[in-house]
N, C-alpha and C. Protein backbone atom coordinates (compact mmCIF):
# COMPACT_ATOMS: atom_id res chain seq x y z
N UNK A 1 0.68 -0.94 -0.04
CA UNK A 1 0.12 0.05 0.09
C UNK A 1 0.96 1.45 0.07
N UNK A 2 1.77 1.18 0.92
CA UNK A 2 2.88 2.36 0.95
C UNK A 2 3.58 2.67 -0.46
N UNK A 3 3.66 1.75 -1.23
CA UNK A 3 4.44 1.68 -2.56
C UNK A 3 3.58 2.68 -3.44
N UNK A 4 2.04 2.29 -3.45
CA UNK A 4 1.10 3.06 -4.35
C UNK A 4 0.83 4.44 -3.71
N UNK A 5 1.01 4.76 -2.44
CA UNK A 5 0.87 5.83 -1.94
C UNK A 5 2.07 6.82 -2.50
N UNK A 6 3.32 6.35 -2.61
CA UNK A 6 4.33 7.15 -3.00
C UNK A 6 4.34 7.21 -4.46
N UNK A 7 3.80 6.41 -5.28
CA UNK A 7 3.82 6.50 -6.60
C UNK A 7 2.53 7.68 -6.86
N UNK A 8 1.66 7.56 -6.08
CA UNK A 8 0.54 8.59 -6.17
C UNK A 8 1.04 10.06 -5.97
N UNK A 9 1.85 10.20 -4.97
CA UNK A 9 2.44 11.51 -4.45
C UNK A 9 3.57 12.00 -5.55
N UNK A 10 4.15 11.03 -6.04
CA UNK A 10 5.03 11.46 -7.26
C UNK A 10 4.42 11.87 -8.20
N UNK A 11 3.56 11.29 -8.68
CA UNK A 11 2.40 11.69 -9.92
C UNK A 11 1.91 13.18 -9.67
N UNK A 12 1.51 13.33 -8.46
CA UNK A 12 0.73 14.55 -8.21
C UNK A 12 1.79 15.83 -8.20
N UNK A 13 2.85 15.56 -7.59
CA UNK A 13 4.04 16.42 -7.54
C UNK A 13 4.58 16.61 -9.14
N UNK A 14 4.64 15.71 -9.72
CA UNK A 14 5.21 15.86 -11.39
C UNK A 14 4.11 16.74 -12.07
N UNK A 15 2.78 16.75 -11.78
CA UNK A 15 1.85 17.32 -12.40
C UNK A 15 1.86 18.88 -11.92
N UNK A 16 2.14 18.99 -10.73
CA UNK A 16 1.91 20.32 -10.13
C UNK A 16 3.19 21.00 -10.58
N UNK A 17 4.44 20.27 -10.69
CA UNK A 17 5.63 21.01 -11.47
C UNK A 17 5.48 21.28 -12.69
N UNK A 18 4.76 20.40 -13.52
CA UNK A 18 4.37 20.78 -14.95
C UNK A 18 3.67 21.74 -15.03
N UNK A 19 2.42 21.87 -14.28
CA UNK A 19 1.64 23.07 -14.18
C UNK A 19 2.16 24.28 -13.97
N UNK A 20 3.24 24.43 -13.07
CA UNK A 20 4.01 25.62 -12.72
C UNK A 20 4.62 25.98 -13.95
N UNK A 21 5.57 25.01 -14.66
CA UNK A 21 6.37 25.24 -15.64
C UNK A 21 5.77 25.82 -17.00
N UNK A 22 4.33 25.18 -16.83
CA UNK A 22 3.54 25.54 -17.99
C UNK A 22 3.05 27.07 -17.91
N UNK A 23 2.65 27.67 -16.85
CA UNK A 23 2.56 28.87 -16.49
C UNK A 23 3.70 30.00 -16.97
N UNK A 24 4.81 29.27 -17.03
CA UNK A 24 5.98 30.22 -17.21
C UNK A 24 6.25 30.07 -18.82
N UNK A 25 5.81 29.13 -19.54
CA UNK A 25 6.23 28.89 -21.19
C UNK A 25 5.49 29.96 -21.97
N UNK A 26 5.88 30.46 -23.18
CA UNK A 26 5.21 31.49 -23.91
C UNK A 26 5.63 30.86 -25.39
N UNK A 27 4.43 31.30 -26.07
CA UNK A 27 4.60 31.44 -27.45
C UNK A 27 5.00 32.79 -28.05
N UNK A 28 6.14 32.93 -28.52
CA UNK A 28 6.70 34.20 -29.24
C UNK A 28 6.10 34.40 -30.59
N UNK A 29 5.43 35.52 -30.97
CA UNK A 29 5.13 35.98 -32.03
C UNK A 29 5.82 37.08 -32.54
N UNK A 30 6.58 36.78 -33.74
CA UNK A 30 7.66 37.58 -34.18
C UNK A 30 7.52 37.61 -35.78
N UNK A 31 8.48 38.40 -36.55
CA UNK A 31 8.58 38.20 -37.92
C UNK A 31 7.94 39.73 -38.62
N UNK A 32 7.36 39.51 -39.54
CA UNK A 32 6.60 40.63 -40.23
C UNK A 32 5.47 41.05 -39.54
N UNK A 33 5.56 41.37 -38.04
CA UNK A 33 4.41 42.01 -37.32
C UNK A 33 4.63 43.43 -36.83
N UNK A 34 3.60 44.22 -36.42
CA UNK A 34 3.96 45.25 -36.02
C UNK A 34 4.13 45.41 -34.60
N UNK A 35 3.50 44.45 -33.73
CA UNK A 35 3.54 44.68 -32.31
C UNK A 35 3.89 42.96 -31.88
N UNK A 36 5.17 42.57 -31.84
CA UNK A 36 5.66 41.29 -31.29
C UNK A 36 5.08 41.15 -30.13
N UNK A 37 4.63 39.72 -30.01
CA UNK A 37 4.03 39.15 -28.81
C UNK A 37 4.76 38.29 -28.07
N UNK A 38 4.17 37.99 -26.76
CA UNK A 38 4.84 36.88 -25.98
C UNK A 38 3.77 36.45 -25.25
N UNK A 39 3.01 35.29 -25.53
CA UNK A 39 1.84 34.89 -25.05
C UNK A 39 2.15 33.67 -24.19
N UNK A 40 1.70 33.67 -23.00
CA UNK A 40 1.52 32.86 -21.92
C UNK A 40 0.30 32.36 -21.74
N UNK A 41 -0.14 31.55 -20.72
CA UNK A 41 -1.55 30.94 -20.34
C UNK A 41 -2.39 32.27 -19.99
N UNK A 42 -1.86 33.06 -19.39
CA UNK A 42 -2.83 34.00 -18.83
C UNK A 42 -3.24 35.07 -20.00
N UNK A 43 -2.14 35.36 -20.82
CA UNK A 43 -2.49 36.17 -21.94
C UNK A 43 -3.37 35.59 -22.82
N UNK A 44 -3.24 34.09 -23.22
CA UNK A 44 -4.24 33.36 -24.10
C UNK A 44 -5.55 33.74 -23.35
N UNK A 45 -5.69 33.49 -22.26
CA UNK A 45 -7.31 33.57 -21.61
C UNK A 45 -7.82 34.78 -21.85
N UNK A 46 -7.24 35.98 -22.22
CA UNK A 46 -7.78 37.24 -22.22
C UNK A 46 -8.42 36.94 -23.82
N UNK A 47 -8.00 36.28 -24.54
CA UNK A 47 -8.77 36.37 -26.04
C UNK A 47 -10.08 35.41 -25.96
N UNK A 48 -10.97 35.69 -27.05
CA UNK A 48 -12.19 34.76 -27.16
C UNK A 48 -11.84 33.48 -27.60
N UNK A 49 -12.23 32.50 -26.63
CA UNK A 49 -12.09 31.23 -26.67
C UNK A 49 -13.01 30.54 -27.66
N UNK A 50 -12.58 29.75 -28.61
CA UNK A 50 -13.51 28.68 -29.11
C UNK A 50 -12.93 27.48 -29.27
N UNK A 51 -13.95 26.46 -29.64
CA UNK A 51 -13.70 25.00 -29.55
C UNK A 51 -13.59 24.27 -31.00
N UNK A 52 -12.64 23.60 -31.02
CA UNK A 52 -12.65 22.68 -32.42
C UNK A 52 -12.63 21.26 -31.94
N UNK A 53 -13.52 20.25 -32.55
CA UNK A 53 -13.66 18.99 -32.54
C UNK A 53 -12.62 18.29 -33.37
N UNK A 54 -11.71 17.33 -32.98
CA UNK A 54 -10.76 16.76 -33.96
C UNK A 54 -10.67 15.25 -33.49
N UNK A 55 -10.40 14.49 -34.29
CA UNK A 55 -10.17 12.96 -34.03
C UNK A 55 -8.86 12.71 -33.55
N UNK A 56 -8.49 11.88 -32.51
CA UNK A 56 -7.36 11.42 -32.13
C UNK A 56 -7.06 10.29 -32.99
N UNK A 57 -6.06 9.78 -32.77
CA UNK A 57 -5.39 8.48 -33.72
C UNK A 57 -6.11 7.38 -33.39
N UNK A 58 -7.07 7.23 -32.39
CA UNK A 58 -8.11 5.93 -32.22
C UNK A 58 -9.39 6.34 -32.86
N UNK A 59 -9.62 7.42 -33.41
CA UNK A 59 -10.90 7.62 -34.03
C UNK A 59 -11.85 8.42 -32.95
N UNK A 60 -11.44 8.72 -31.67
CA UNK A 60 -12.16 9.45 -30.80
C UNK A 60 -12.25 10.76 -31.02
N UNK A 61 -13.35 11.39 -30.83
CA UNK A 61 -13.65 12.86 -30.83
C UNK A 61 -12.99 13.63 -29.52
N UNK A 62 -12.12 14.59 -29.76
CA UNK A 62 -11.65 15.39 -28.76
C UNK A 62 -12.10 16.70 -29.00
N UNK A 63 -12.33 17.52 -27.89
CA UNK A 63 -12.74 18.94 -28.15
C UNK A 63 -11.77 19.78 -27.63
N UNK A 64 -11.14 20.67 -28.44
CA UNK A 64 -9.84 21.31 -28.13
C UNK A 64 -10.32 22.75 -27.99
N UNK A 65 -10.13 23.65 -26.93
CA UNK A 65 -10.27 24.90 -26.78
C UNK A 65 -9.09 25.83 -26.81
N UNK A 66 -9.25 26.79 -27.55
CA UNK A 66 -8.05 27.99 -27.65
C UNK A 66 -8.53 29.14 -28.42
N UNK A 67 -7.46 29.64 -29.10
CA UNK A 67 -7.99 31.04 -29.77
C UNK A 67 -7.47 30.87 -31.22
N UNK A 68 -8.33 31.32 -32.08
CA UNK A 68 -8.03 31.57 -33.61
C UNK A 68 -6.53 32.10 -33.84
N UNK A 69 -5.85 31.39 -34.60
CA UNK A 69 -4.48 32.02 -34.89
C UNK A 69 -4.71 33.48 -35.47
N UNK A 70 -5.73 33.51 -36.45
CA UNK A 70 -6.08 34.93 -36.88
C UNK A 70 -6.18 36.13 -35.85
N UNK A 71 -6.73 35.54 -34.76
CA UNK A 71 -7.23 36.72 -33.62
C UNK A 71 -5.68 37.04 -33.19
N UNK A 72 -4.76 36.00 -32.79
CA UNK A 72 -3.38 36.50 -32.16
C UNK A 72 -2.44 37.27 -33.27
N UNK A 73 -2.73 36.85 -34.74
CA UNK A 73 -2.03 37.40 -35.64
C UNK A 73 -2.33 38.94 -35.74
N UNK A 74 -3.76 39.20 -35.77
CA UNK A 74 -4.37 40.59 -35.75
C UNK A 74 -3.78 41.45 -34.61
N UNK A 75 -3.74 40.95 -33.25
CA UNK A 75 -3.37 41.65 -32.29
C UNK A 75 -1.68 41.81 -32.52
N UNK A 76 -1.04 41.26 -33.36
CA UNK A 76 0.36 41.46 -33.51
C UNK A 76 0.27 42.39 -34.53
N UNK A 77 -0.64 42.88 -35.41
CA UNK A 77 -0.31 43.92 -36.29
C UNK A 77 -0.24 43.16 -37.82
N UNK A 78 -0.30 41.95 -38.03
CA UNK A 78 -0.32 41.11 -39.25
C UNK A 78 -1.24 41.44 -40.26
N UNK A 79 -0.75 41.58 -41.54
CA UNK A 79 -1.72 42.30 -42.66
C UNK A 79 -2.79 40.73 -42.85
N UNK A 80 -3.89 41.05 -42.48
CA UNK A 80 -5.09 40.24 -42.66
C UNK A 80 -6.10 40.98 -43.25
N UNK A 81 -7.36 40.22 -43.44
CA UNK A 81 -8.54 40.97 -43.71
C UNK A 81 -8.48 41.55 -45.08
N UNK A 82 -8.99 42.92 -45.30
CA UNK A 82 -8.98 43.70 -46.55
C UNK A 82 -7.81 43.74 -47.08
N UNK A 83 -6.70 43.94 -46.22
CA UNK A 83 -5.30 44.27 -46.62
C UNK A 83 -4.39 43.12 -47.16
N UNK A 84 -4.97 41.80 -47.09
CA UNK A 84 -4.48 40.49 -47.63
C UNK A 84 -4.80 40.30 -49.00
N UNK A 85 -3.87 41.01 -49.88
CA UNK A 85 -4.11 40.77 -51.28
C UNK A 85 -2.61 41.41 -51.80
N UNK A 86 -2.41 40.93 -53.17
CA UNK A 86 -1.34 41.36 -53.84
C UNK A 86 0.20 40.79 -53.36
N UNK A 87 0.82 41.60 -52.87
CA UNK A 87 2.51 40.93 -52.50
C UNK A 87 2.13 40.37 -51.11
N UNK A 88 1.19 40.90 -50.40
CA UNK A 88 1.00 40.41 -49.13
C UNK A 88 0.47 38.78 -48.93
N UNK A 89 0.23 38.34 -50.18
CA UNK A 89 -0.45 36.82 -50.36
C UNK A 89 0.84 35.93 -50.26
N UNK A 90 1.88 36.57 -50.26
CA UNK A 90 3.35 35.79 -50.21
C UNK A 90 3.61 35.64 -48.80
N UNK A 91 2.91 36.02 -47.92
CA UNK A 91 3.39 35.93 -46.43
C UNK A 91 2.88 34.45 -45.85
N UNK A 92 3.60 34.15 -45.24
CA UNK A 92 3.24 32.77 -44.20
C UNK A 92 3.73 32.72 -42.89
N UNK A 93 2.99 31.93 -42.23
CA UNK A 93 3.09 31.56 -40.77
C UNK A 93 4.05 30.33 -40.62
N UNK A 94 5.25 30.61 -39.90
CA UNK A 94 6.14 29.31 -39.57
C UNK A 94 5.73 29.10 -38.18
N UNK A 95 5.28 28.03 -37.70
CA UNK A 95 5.05 27.44 -36.70
C UNK A 95 6.10 26.62 -35.91
N UNK A 96 6.66 26.95 -34.92
CA UNK A 96 7.78 26.17 -34.36
C UNK A 96 7.46 25.41 -32.96
N UNK A 97 7.97 24.18 -32.95
CA UNK A 97 7.73 23.34 -31.63
C UNK A 97 9.09 23.42 -30.77
N UNK A 98 8.93 22.92 -29.44
CA UNK A 98 10.13 22.84 -28.69
C UNK A 98 11.01 21.91 -29.34
N UNK A 99 10.76 20.85 -29.84
CA UNK A 99 11.58 19.85 -30.46
C UNK A 99 12.27 20.15 -31.68
N UNK A 100 12.04 21.59 -32.34
CA UNK A 100 12.42 21.92 -33.55
C UNK A 100 11.66 21.52 -34.65
N UNK A 101 10.47 20.87 -34.36
CA UNK A 101 9.34 20.63 -35.52
C UNK A 101 8.86 21.83 -36.06
N UNK A 102 8.71 22.07 -37.23
CA UNK A 102 8.09 23.34 -37.95
C UNK A 102 7.09 22.94 -38.88
N UNK A 103 6.18 23.74 -39.17
CA UNK A 103 5.07 23.54 -40.29
C UNK A 103 4.76 24.94 -40.58
N UNK A 104 4.14 25.31 -42.01
CA UNK A 104 3.77 26.40 -42.58
C UNK A 104 2.53 26.63 -42.96
N UNK A 105 1.67 27.85 -42.76
CA UNK A 105 0.35 27.91 -42.98
C UNK A 105 0.48 29.44 -43.95
N UNK A 106 0.09 29.28 -45.14
CA UNK A 106 -0.24 30.52 -45.72
C UNK A 106 -1.15 31.43 -45.07
N UNK A 107 -0.93 32.80 -45.06
CA UNK A 107 -1.75 33.61 -44.23
C UNK A 107 -3.31 33.42 -44.65
N UNK A 108 -3.55 33.46 -45.93
CA UNK A 108 -5.14 33.03 -46.38
C UNK A 108 -5.48 32.04 -45.63
N UNK A 109 -4.90 30.90 -45.36
CA UNK A 109 -5.35 29.73 -44.80
C UNK A 109 -5.91 30.15 -43.29
N UNK A 110 -5.59 31.10 -42.81
CA UNK A 110 -5.87 31.47 -41.30
C UNK A 110 -6.75 32.72 -41.53
N UNK A 111 -7.12 33.30 -42.49
CA UNK A 111 -7.76 34.46 -42.61
C UNK A 111 -9.33 34.25 -42.88
N UNK A 112 -10.24 34.68 -41.74
CA UNK A 112 -11.36 34.29 -42.07
C UNK A 112 -12.23 34.93 -43.08
N UNK A 113 -11.50 35.74 -43.99
CA UNK A 113 -12.32 36.18 -45.33
C UNK A 113 -12.05 35.15 -46.41
N UNK A 114 -11.00 34.29 -46.18
CA UNK A 114 -10.68 33.40 -47.17
C UNK A 114 -11.26 31.91 -46.86
N UNK A 115 -11.46 31.53 -45.77
CA UNK A 115 -11.74 30.27 -45.24
C UNK A 115 -12.63 30.14 -44.05
N UNK A 116 -13.31 29.12 -43.70
CA UNK A 116 -14.32 28.98 -42.60
C UNK A 116 -13.64 27.92 -41.72
N UNK A 117 -12.67 27.15 -42.17
CA UNK A 117 -11.89 26.37 -41.37
C UNK A 117 -11.19 27.06 -40.21
N UNK A 118 -11.35 26.43 -38.86
CA UNK A 118 -10.64 27.01 -37.64
C UNK A 118 -9.30 26.27 -37.46
N UNK A 119 -8.56 27.29 -37.26
CA UNK A 119 -6.89 26.92 -36.79
C UNK A 119 -6.56 27.72 -35.59
N UNK A 120 -6.44 26.87 -34.39
CA UNK A 120 -6.43 27.71 -32.98
C UNK A 120 -5.01 27.20 -32.49
N UNK A 121 -4.47 28.30 -31.55
CA UNK A 121 -3.72 27.79 -30.74
C UNK A 121 -4.32 27.39 -29.42
N UNK A 122 -4.51 26.36 -28.91
CA UNK A 122 -5.35 25.42 -27.87
C UNK A 122 -4.13 25.24 -26.62
N UNK A 123 -4.98 25.42 -25.44
CA UNK A 123 -4.37 25.08 -24.15
C UNK A 123 -5.28 24.05 -23.62
N UNK A 124 -6.23 23.70 -24.05
CA UNK A 124 -7.02 22.65 -23.45
C UNK A 124 -7.64 21.72 -24.30
N UNK A 125 -8.04 20.41 -23.74
CA UNK A 125 -8.58 19.30 -24.46
C UNK A 125 -9.52 19.02 -23.50
N UNK A 126 -10.62 18.62 -23.87
CA UNK A 126 -11.86 18.07 -23.16
C UNK A 126 -11.98 18.79 -21.83
N UNK A 127 -11.83 20.18 -21.80
CA UNK A 127 -11.93 20.72 -20.64
C UNK A 127 -10.87 20.91 -19.59
N UNK A 128 -9.67 20.33 -19.93
CA UNK A 128 -8.39 19.78 -19.06
C UNK A 128 -7.22 20.48 -19.87
N UNK A 129 -6.17 21.08 -19.06
CA UNK A 129 -4.99 21.53 -19.43
C UNK A 129 -4.37 20.21 -20.49
N UNK A 130 -3.69 20.66 -21.53
CA UNK A 130 -3.14 19.66 -22.34
C UNK A 130 -2.05 18.84 -21.53
N UNK A 131 -1.83 17.66 -22.05
CA UNK A 131 -0.84 16.62 -21.31
C UNK A 131 0.49 17.38 -21.62
N UNK A 132 1.35 17.26 -20.72
CA UNK A 132 2.86 17.43 -20.78
C UNK A 132 3.45 17.22 -22.16
N UNK A 133 3.06 16.27 -22.89
CA UNK A 133 3.50 15.70 -23.87
C UNK A 133 2.85 16.67 -25.19
N UNK A 134 1.88 17.23 -25.10
CA UNK A 134 1.29 17.89 -25.88
C UNK A 134 1.26 19.34 -25.85
N UNK A 135 1.66 19.79 -24.77
CA UNK A 135 1.13 21.47 -24.44
C UNK A 135 2.55 21.97 -23.75
N UNK A 136 2.51 23.19 -23.22
CA UNK A 136 1.02 23.57 -22.84
C UNK A 136 0.19 24.23 -24.04
N UNK A 137 0.97 24.66 -25.00
CA UNK A 137 0.31 25.06 -26.39
C UNK A 137 0.20 24.14 -27.39
N UNK A 138 -0.70 23.90 -28.13
CA UNK A 138 -0.79 23.04 -29.55
C UNK A 138 -1.65 23.72 -30.47
N UNK A 139 -1.23 23.58 -31.75
CA UNK A 139 -1.89 23.88 -32.85
C UNK A 139 -2.68 22.93 -33.09
N UNK A 140 -4.03 23.38 -33.62
CA UNK A 140 -5.23 22.28 -33.85
C UNK A 140 -5.91 22.96 -35.14
N UNK A 141 -5.62 22.02 -36.25
CA UNK A 141 -6.56 22.42 -37.36
C UNK A 141 -7.68 21.55 -37.66
N UNK A 142 -8.61 22.29 -37.85
CA UNK A 142 -10.12 21.64 -37.88
C UNK A 142 -10.04 21.20 -39.40
N UNK A 143 -10.51 19.66 -39.29
CA UNK A 143 -10.97 19.16 -40.55
C UNK A 143 -9.86 18.65 -41.57
N UNK A 144 -8.79 18.84 -41.07
CA UNK A 144 -7.24 18.55 -41.84
C UNK A 144 -7.47 16.82 -41.78
N UNK A 145 -7.16 16.13 -43.10
CA UNK A 145 -7.25 14.57 -43.11
C UNK A 145 -6.03 14.14 -42.25
N UNK A 146 -4.74 14.58 -42.10
CA UNK A 146 -3.89 14.13 -41.39
C UNK A 146 -3.39 15.23 -40.24
N UNK A 147 -2.98 14.85 -38.97
CA UNK A 147 -2.64 15.45 -38.13
C UNK A 147 -1.31 16.26 -37.93
N UNK A 148 -0.68 16.23 -39.20
CA UNK A 148 0.66 16.46 -39.29
C UNK A 148 0.96 18.19 -38.84
N UNK A 149 -0.23 18.82 -39.19
CA UNK A 149 0.20 20.30 -38.83
C UNK A 149 -0.44 20.79 -37.50
N UNK A 150 -0.88 19.78 -36.77
CA UNK A 150 -1.51 19.81 -35.39
C UNK A 150 -0.14 19.91 -34.45
N UNK A 151 0.54 20.78 -34.38
CA UNK A 151 2.01 20.98 -33.77
C UNK A 151 1.68 21.05 -32.15
N UNK A 152 2.43 20.05 -31.60
CA UNK A 152 2.55 19.72 -30.30
C UNK A 152 3.52 20.78 -29.53
N UNK A 153 3.58 21.19 -28.42
CA UNK A 153 4.53 21.95 -27.77
C UNK A 153 5.11 23.47 -28.49
N UNK A 154 4.12 24.06 -28.97
CA UNK A 154 4.35 25.30 -29.81
C UNK A 154 5.03 26.37 -28.84
N UNK A 155 6.28 26.82 -29.53
CA UNK A 155 7.02 27.79 -28.77
C UNK A 155 6.99 29.21 -29.65
N UNK A 156 6.71 28.98 -31.07
CA UNK A 156 7.14 30.31 -31.70
C UNK A 156 5.98 30.22 -32.90
N UNK A 157 5.46 31.75 -33.28
CA UNK A 157 4.87 31.74 -34.67
C UNK A 157 5.58 32.93 -35.31
N UNK A 158 6.02 32.61 -36.44
CA UNK A 158 6.89 33.73 -37.24
C UNK A 158 6.22 33.76 -38.35
N UNK A 159 5.91 35.26 -38.81
CA UNK A 159 5.31 35.62 -40.04
C UNK A 159 6.46 36.10 -40.81
N UNK A 160 6.37 35.72 -42.28
CA UNK A 160 7.49 35.79 -42.99
C UNK A 160 7.03 35.97 -44.39
N UNK A 161 7.98 36.49 -45.34
CA UNK A 161 7.76 36.69 -46.73
C UNK A 161 8.18 35.66 -47.34
N UNK A 162 7.74 34.91 -48.34
CA UNK A 162 8.29 34.18 -49.08
C UNK A 162 9.40 34.52 -50.02
N UNK A 163 10.34 33.99 -50.42
CA UNK A 163 11.48 34.64 -51.21
C UNK A 163 11.46 34.07 -52.68
């Protein structure tokens, strides 16, 4: 019985340490922006939250909560909306994870004037904080067939011009 109590206490302690560390982790928004941002859990909570339902690898529906990337980019002063035309169509968002994994989105993929698909920076799944292996921040792409662009452990959003 003592063995199980010790294991339980270790798990509780590890979760508390992760939660404290997650509160300190931020996502940096840089590049072709007017207002560079550093977004932590507290800053993310100030945005309007939406949910996206996405299937996991076993086919189970999961409900992710977070903020549309377009809202974050708008706050950073990125060219979106009626200004997204001409040379600005060559801008893209590079998403980086803590392990070096990177994916790219064209700005039009994120703009509500071009698409109805939601792409969010999530911090919760099924009402709970993301697991340490996934969070504290994760990109969730609604209705994409493969999860390759659902980036775990997001650390940076960089807006750039294609050369």
